[in-house]
């Protein structure tokens, strides 16, 4: 059942839970099966970075760029003069993943999430052919933003074609965005940093991607200091963040009041000292406690909040991953019972 956002509908069901993106291992069929089984209300297209270059966040996301080929050079991704073997490998890995999504999502009719690095994280991570990050060159940032927007438009359209009964959501991973805004992205020498980007420019690039894809966009960052005003200005549908990193609740409360959805990273990506994942009751209590502290009506919580792990789970043990996904799913159901 759709949820309300000032008269509009949130593009997920009440009490939804999902993953951030990455899981451990190299078997995409097994991993995608796990996600559809444990997160039936909002599954996502898997990322398995252990498979190597092209399956990592930057390489995979750079593979979406249109007419901006990349290559690996000295262990880093950089803009290349022409497509080569690194891009072919990246494209092959994605195609295998999409084939598994198509097979296991056959007849699926709910919302489904796909992920890619956002323009600012790509600009802070990809090298120019002459050296230095793309972030150093405003023209290069515009190029990568436009290229990514078109590539993700095509990607979303492909997923929608493969799963015609599903509604696609796009998650833009922006772990570098707070550092970009603060002027804290180091140059190669490490002796200085790239000039800070102002909020309106940051929002404009994110909005370019969001408008191009034409589906709800969630911006994820598990770094401290997520710039909520920038995300609101970018017309994001939701923010995805690690609850453990929240310091000032006022900006979050203002964003939620304005209608921004919250993907609440409520389960640690590593086991607590006891060695076991939090129970669904503990996860639900954690989310409910935050919501109460923000002062919003309890009935609004399951509509506006999606329960997630704190960040990607690529470094976690398989048994812990399964326990985390189950805890998120069952916590979402508990919250929907209000």
Protein backbone atom coordinates (compact mmCIF):
# COMPACT_ATOMS: atom_id res chain seq x y z
CA UNK A 1 0.00 0.00 0.00
CA UNK A 2 1.40 3.40 -0.93
CA UNK A 3 2.16 5.95 1.73
CA UNK A 4 1.34 9.63 1.80
CA UNK A 5 3.72 12.56 1.56
CA UNK A 6 1.67 15.70 1.75
CA UNK A 7 -0.85 14.17 -0.64
CA UNK A 8 1.78 12.43 -2.78
CA UNK A 9 2.71 8.77 -2.41
CA UNK A 10 6.01 7.44 -1.14
CA UNK A 11 7.32 4.94 -3.69
CA UNK A 12 7.55 2.08 -1.17
CA UNK A 13 5.10 0.26 1.05
CA UNK A 14 4.56 0.92 4.75
CA UNK A 15 7.08 -0.91 6.93
CA UNK A 16 9.55 -1.43 4.08
CA UNK A 17 13.13 -2.60 4.54
CA UNK A 18 16.00 -2.85 2.05
CA UNK A 19 19.76 -3.23 1.75
CA UNK A 20 22.28 -0.58 0.85
CA UNK A 21 23.83 -2.42 -2.09
CA UNK A 22 26.91 -4.55 -1.53
CA UNK A 23 27.11 -8.07 -0.13
CA UNK A 24 30.04 -10.45 0.36
CA UNK A 25 30.97 -13.26 -2.02
CA UNK A 26 31.11 -13.75 -5.76
CA UNK A 27 27.98 -15.79 -6.54
CA UNK A 28 25.43 -13.33 -7.91
CA UNK A 29 22.68 -15.93 -8.24
CA UNK A 30 22.90 -16.94 -4.58
CA UNK A 31 23.17 -13.34 -3.37
CA UNK A 32 20.26 -12.06 -5.46
CA UNK A 33 18.14 -14.99 -4.29
CA UNK A 34 18.95 -14.05 -0.69
CA UNK A 35 17.83 -10.46 -1.24
CA UNK A 36 14.53 -11.38 -2.87
CA UNK A 37 13.91 -13.85 -0.05
CA UNK A 38 14.81 -11.63 2.91
CA UNK A 39 13.70 -8.24 1.54
CA UNK A 40 10.56 -9.05 -0.46
CA UNK A 41 9.03 -5.58 -0.07
CA UNK A 42 11.98 -3.60 -1.49
CA UNK A 43 14.72 -5.80 -2.99
CA UNK A 44 17.73 -4.28 -4.71
CA UNK A 45 20.14 -5.10 -7.51
CA UNK A 46 23.18 -6.63 -5.88
CA UNK A 47 26.78 -5.41 -5.89
CA UNK A 48 29.51 -8.00 -5.18
CA UNK A 49 32.82 -6.08 -5.09
CA UNK A 50 34.83 -9.19 -4.18
CA UNK A 51 34.68 -10.11 -7.86
CA UNK A 52 37.32 -7.45 -8.48
CA UNK A 53 37.71 -4.40 -10.73
CA UNK A 54 34.47 -3.46 -12.42
CA UNK A 55 32.44 -4.83 -9.53
CA UNK A 56 33.71 -2.15 -7.13
CA UNK A 57 31.55 0.91 -6.58
CA UNK A 58 33.64 3.33 -8.65
CA UNK A 59 34.40 0.98 -11.52
CA UNK A 60 30.82 -0.28 -11.75
CA UNK A 61 29.41 3.25 -11.66
CA UNK A 62 31.93 4.56 -14.18
CA UNK A 63 30.66 1.84 -16.50
CA UNK A 64 27.39 3.77 -16.78
CA UNK A 65 29.14 6.83 -18.24
CA UNK A 66 28.23 7.59 -21.85
CA UNK A 67 31.10 8.56 -24.18
CA UNK A 68 33.47 8.84 -21.23
CA UNK A 69 35.44 5.56 -21.23
CA UNK A 70 37.55 4.65 -18.21
CA UNK A 71 40.44 2.34 -17.52
CA UNK A 72 42.49 1.10 -14.60
CA UNK A 73 45.90 2.71 -14.31
CA UNK A 74 48.21 2.05 -11.36
CA UNK A 75 45.28 0.68 -9.40
CA UNK A 76 43.04 3.71 -9.96
CA UNK A 77 40.22 4.41 -12.37
CA UNK A 78 40.90 7.19 -14.85
CA UNK A 79 39.33 8.62 -17.99
CA UNK A 80 40.65 6.72 -21.02
CA UNK A 81 41.08 7.68 -24.70
CA UNK A 82 38.92 4.76 -25.83
CA UNK A 83 37.00 1.79 -24.38
CA UNK A 84 39.18 -1.19 -23.51
CA UNK A 85 39.24 -4.46 -21.60
CA UNK A 86 38.43 -2.85 -18.25
CA UNK A 87 35.17 -1.46 -19.59
CA UNK A 88 34.32 -4.74 -21.27
CA UNK A 89 34.80 -6.58 -17.98
CA UNK A 90 32.65 -4.02 -16.14
CA UNK A 91 29.87 -4.30 -18.72
CA UNK A 92 30.00 -8.11 -18.62
CA UNK A 93 29.66 -8.20 -14.83
CA UNK A 94 26.69 -5.83 -14.92
CA UNK A 95 25.00 -7.83 -17.67
CA UNK A 96 25.31 -11.02 -15.59
CA UNK A 97 23.82 -9.22 -12.62
CA UNK A 98 20.93 -7.88 -14.65
CA UNK A 99 20.25 -11.33 -16.08
CA UNK A 100 19.97 -12.72 -12.55
CA UNK A 101 17.71 -9.84 -11.55
CA UNK A 102 15.50 -10.58 -14.55
CA UNK A 103 15.34 -14.29 -13.80
CA UNK A 104 14.71 -14.05 -10.09
CA UNK A 105 12.48 -11.00 -10.32
CA UNK A 106 10.19 -12.59 -12.89
CA UNK A 107 6.62 -11.43 -12.20
CA UNK A 108 7.78 -9.18 -9.33
CA UNK A 109 5.44 -6.20 -9.07
CA UNK A 110 6.74 -4.05 -6.20
CA UNK A 111 9.41 -1.36 -5.93
CA UNK A 112 13.01 -2.35 -6.68
CA UNK A 113 16.17 -0.34 -6.05
CA UNK A 114 19.33 0.02 -8.13
CA UNK A 115 22.47 1.85 -7.04
CA UNK A 116 25.31 3.87 -8.55
CA UNK A 117 27.87 6.35 -7.29
CA UNK A 118 26.66 9.92 -7.65
CA UNK A 119 28.39 12.62 -9.73
CA UNK A 120 30.35 14.11 -6.83
CA UNK A 121 31.77 10.84 -5.58
CA UNK A 122 32.74 9.92 -9.14
CA UNK A 123 34.32 13.33 -9.70
CA UNK A 124 36.29 12.94 -6.45
CA UNK A 125 37.43 9.42 -7.37
CA UNK A 126 38.12 9.34 -11.12
CA UNK A 127 41.42 10.67 -12.45
CA UNK A 128 41.84 12.91 -15.44
CA UNK A 129 44.24 11.64 -18.15
CA UNK A 130 46.63 14.48 -17.27
CA UNK A 131 46.49 13.65 -13.56
CA UNK A 132 44.38 14.90 -10.70
CA UNK A 133 40.78 14.15 -9.93
CA UNK A 134 37.98 15.25 -12.21
CA UNK A 135 36.86 17.40 -9.29
CA UNK A 136 39.62 19.90 -10.08
CA UNK A 137 37.98 20.89 -13.40
CA UNK A 138 34.48 22.41 -13.43
CA UNK A 139 34.04 21.49 -17.09
CA UNK A 140 34.98 17.89 -16.33
CA UNK A 141 32.43 17.82 -13.50
CA UNK A 142 29.72 19.03 -15.89
CA UNK A 143 30.76 16.39 -18.42
CA UNK A 144 30.68 13.57 -15.91
CA UNK A 145 27.33 14.73 -14.53
CA UNK A 146 25.70 14.83 -17.95
CA UNK A 147 27.28 11.54 -18.98
CA UNK A 148 26.20 9.80 -15.79
CA UNK A 149 22.69 11.20 -16.08
CA UNK A 150 22.28 9.74 -19.57
CA UNK A 151 23.87 6.42 -18.61
CA UNK A 152 21.65 5.99 -15.58
CA UNK A 153 18.59 6.98 -17.62
CA UNK A 154 19.41 4.07 -19.93
CA UNK A 155 20.12 1.73 -17.01
CA UNK A 156 16.82 2.52 -15.29
CA UNK A 157 14.96 2.06 -18.57
CA UNK A 158 16.66 -1.33 -19.05
CA UNK A 159 15.64 -2.49 -15.57
CA UNK A 160 12.08 -1.30 -16.14
CA UNK A 161 11.97 -3.22 -19.42
CA UNK A 162 13.29 -6.38 -17.75
CA UNK A 163 10.86 -6.12 -14.83
CA UNK A 164 7.81 -4.44 -16.37
CA UNK A 165 5.67 -4.88 -13.27
CA UNK A 166 8.20 -3.27 -10.91
CA UNK A 167 8.73 0.37 -9.96
CA UNK A 168 12.41 1.35 -10.08
CA UNK A 169 14.09 3.53 -7.46
CA UNK A 170 17.61 4.88 -7.96
CA UNK A 171 20.04 5.20 -5.07
CA UNK A 172 22.95 7.57 -5.65
CA UNK A 173 25.86 6.68 -3.38
CA UNK A 174 27.63 9.88 -2.31
CA UNK A 175 30.12 9.04 0.45
CA UNK A 176 32.41 11.83 -0.81
CA UNK A 177 29.78 14.57 -0.90
CA UNK A 178 30.38 15.96 2.62
CA UNK A 179 34.13 16.18 1.91
CA UNK A 180 33.49 17.80 -1.48
CA UNK A 181 31.36 20.49 0.17
CA UNK A 182 33.89 21.05 2.94
CA UNK A 183 36.91 21.29 0.62
CA UNK A 184 38.44 18.20 2.21
CA UNK A 185 39.10 15.98 -0.81
CA UNK A 186 42.91 15.67 -0.84
CA UNK A 187 45.01 16.15 -3.95
CA UNK A 188 47.36 13.36 -5.03
CA UNK A 189 50.23 14.76 -2.99
CA UNK A 190 48.11 14.85 0.12
CA UNK A 191 49.54 18.27 0.89
CA UNK A 192 46.46 20.23 -0.14
CA UNK A 193 42.80 19.74 -0.99
CA UNK A 194 40.51 20.59 -3.86
CA UNK A 195 38.45 23.75 -3.63
CA UNK A 196 35.12 23.37 -1.85
CA UNK A 197 31.98 23.13 -3.95
CA UNK A 198 29.08 25.25 -2.80
CA UNK A 199 25.73 23.78 -1.91
CA UNK A 200 23.68 25.09 -4.87
CA UNK A 201 26.20 23.69 -7.37
CA UNK A 202 26.21 20.35 -5.58
CA UNK A 203 22.42 20.23 -5.60
CA UNK A 204 22.29 21.20 -9.29
CA UNK A 205 24.41 18.22 -10.34
CA UNK A 206 22.36 15.78 -8.29
CA UNK A 207 19.15 17.30 -9.66
CA UNK A 208 20.45 16.86 -13.23
CA UNK A 209 20.72 13.13 -12.64
CA UNK A 210 17.39 12.89 -10.83
CA UNK A 211 15.54 14.71 -13.59
CA UNK A 212 17.14 12.60 -16.30
CA UNK A 213 16.24 9.22 -14.81
CA UNK A 214 12.65 10.21 -14.09
CA UNK A 215 12.26 7.90 -11.07
CA UNK A 216 12.48 8.57 -7.32
CA UNK A 217 16.09 9.12 -6.21
CA UNK A 218 17.51 8.24 -2.80
CA UNK A 219 20.88 9.78 -1.90
CA UNK A 220 22.97 7.55 0.34
CA UNK A 221 25.98 8.59 2.40
CA UNK A 222 27.40 6.75 5.38
CA UNK A 223 29.84 9.60 6.04
CA UNK A 224 29.30 12.11 8.85
CA UNK A 225 27.64 15.42 8.05
CA UNK A 226 25.19 14.44 5.32
CA UNK A 227 24.11 17.76 3.71
CA UNK A 228 20.35 17.47 4.03
CA UNK A 229 19.56 20.89 2.58
CA UNK A 230 21.53 20.02 -0.55
CA UNK A 231 19.53 16.82 -0.95
CA UNK A 232 16.25 18.67 -0.49
CA UNK A 233 17.31 21.23 -3.10
CA UNK A 234 18.24 18.35 -5.41
CA UNK A 235 14.65 17.08 -5.17
CA UNK A 236 15.70 13.73 -3.72
CA UNK A 237 12.86 11.50 -2.57
CA UNK A 238 14.82 10.24 0.43
CA UNK A 239 18.12 10.30 2.27
CA UNK A 240 19.89 7.13 3.35
CA UNK A 241 22.26 7.50 6.30
CA UNK A 242 23.87 5.75 9.26
CA UNK A 243 21.90 6.60 12.41
CA UNK A 244 25.03 6.17 14.53
CA UNK A 245 26.59 9.22 12.83
CA UNK A 246 23.70 11.60 13.50
CA UNK A 247 24.77 14.50 15.73
CA UNK A 248 22.27 17.29 15.14
CA UNK A 249 18.67 16.14 14.77
CA UNK A 250 17.19 19.52 13.83
CA UNK A 251 18.16 19.43 10.11
CA UNK A 252 16.85 15.88 9.84
CA UNK A 253 13.58 16.87 11.48
CA UNK A 254 13.19 19.80 9.09
CA UNK A 255 13.89 17.56 6.09
CA UNK A 256 11.38 14.95 7.22
CA UNK A 257 8.78 17.63 7.89
CA UNK A 258 9.34 18.87 4.33
CA UNK A 259 8.54 15.39 3.03
CA UNK A 260 11.96 13.76 2.61
CA UNK A 261 11.89 10.01 3.14
CA UNK A 262 14.40 8.41 5.51
CA UNK A 263 16.30 5.20 4.82
CA UNK A 264 17.37 4.62 8.40
CA UNK A 265 20.68 2.78 8.73
CA UNK A 266 19.84 1.12 12.02
CA UNK A 267 21.87 -2.12 12.00
CA UNK A 268 25.70 -2.08 12.27
CA UNK A 269 27.63 -3.57 9.37
CA UNK A 270 29.81 -5.47 11.84
CA UNK A 271 28.56 -7.54 14.79
CA UNK A 272 28.44 -5.75 18.14
CA UNK A 273 30.70 -7.01 20.91
CA UNK A 274 28.25 -9.80 21.69
CA UNK A 275 28.91 -11.18 18.21
CA UNK A 276 25.29 -11.33 17.11
CA UNK A 277 23.15 -9.04 15.00
CA UNK A 278 20.63 -6.83 16.73
CA UNK A 279 17.22 -8.42 17.02
CA UNK A 280 14.32 -7.01 15.03
CA UNK A 281 12.82 -5.70 18.28
CA UNK A 282 16.05 -3.82 19.07
CA UNK A 283 16.20 -2.38 15.56
CA UNK A 284 12.56 -1.29 15.67
CA UNK A 285 13.08 0.30 19.08
CA UNK A 286 16.09 2.20 17.80
CA UNK A 287 14.16 3.64 14.86
CA UNK A 288 11.08 4.31 16.98
CA UNK A 289 13.21 6.10 19.58
CA UNK A 290 14.72 8.43 16.96
CA UNK A 291 11.29 9.17 15.53
CA UNK A 292 9.94 9.96 18.98
CA UNK A 293 12.88 12.25 19.69
CA UNK A 294 12.17 14.08 16.44
CA UNK A 295 8.59 14.59 17.66
CA UNK A 296 6.64 13.14 14.74
CA UNK A 297 3.42 11.14 15.06
CA UNK A 298 3.99 7.40 15.38
CA UNK A 299 1.54 6.63 12.59
CA UNK A 300 3.71 8.51 10.12
CA UNK A 301 6.85 6.47 10.85
CA UNK A 302 6.20 3.30 8.78
CA UNK A 303 5.13 5.40 5.82
CA UNK A 304 8.15 7.68 5.64
CA UNK A 305 10.93 5.42 6.96
CA UNK A 306 12.63 2.42 5.36
CA UNK A 307 14.81 0.24 7.62
CA UNK A 308 18.31 -0.58 6.30
CA UNK A 309 21.76 -1.67 7.46
CA UNK A 310 24.07 1.21 8.35
CA UNK A 311 26.02 0.79 5.10
CA UNK A 312 27.05 -1.88 2.61
CA UNK A 313 27.70 -5.40 3.88
CA UNK A 314 30.51 -6.51 1.55
CA UNK A 315 32.91 -7.00 4.46
CA UNK A 316 30.53 -8.97 6.68
CA UNK A 317 30.34 -12.73 7.20
CA UNK A 318 27.53 -14.45 5.24
CA UNK A 319 25.71 -15.62 8.39
CA UNK A 320 25.76 -12.09 9.80
CA UNK A 321 24.48 -10.68 6.49
CA UNK A 322 21.48 -12.99 6.55
CA UNK A 323 20.75 -12.08 10.18
CA UNK A 324 21.01 -8.35 9.41
CA UNK A 325 18.66 -8.49 6.43
CA UNK A 326 16.15 -10.53 8.41
CA UNK A 327 16.34 -8.09 11.34
CA UNK A 328 15.70 -5.16 8.98
CA UNK A 329 12.73 -6.88 7.36
CA UNK A 330 11.12 -7.92 10.63
CA UNK A 331 11.80 -4.51 12.21
CA UNK A 332 9.97 -2.86 9.32
CA UNK A 333 7.01 -5.15 9.92
CA UNK A 334 7.03 -4.34 13.63
CA UNK A 335 6.99 -0.62 12.85
CA UNK A 336 4.05 -1.11 10.49
CA UNK A 337 2.02 -2.69 13.29
CA UNK A 338 1.63 0.66 15.06
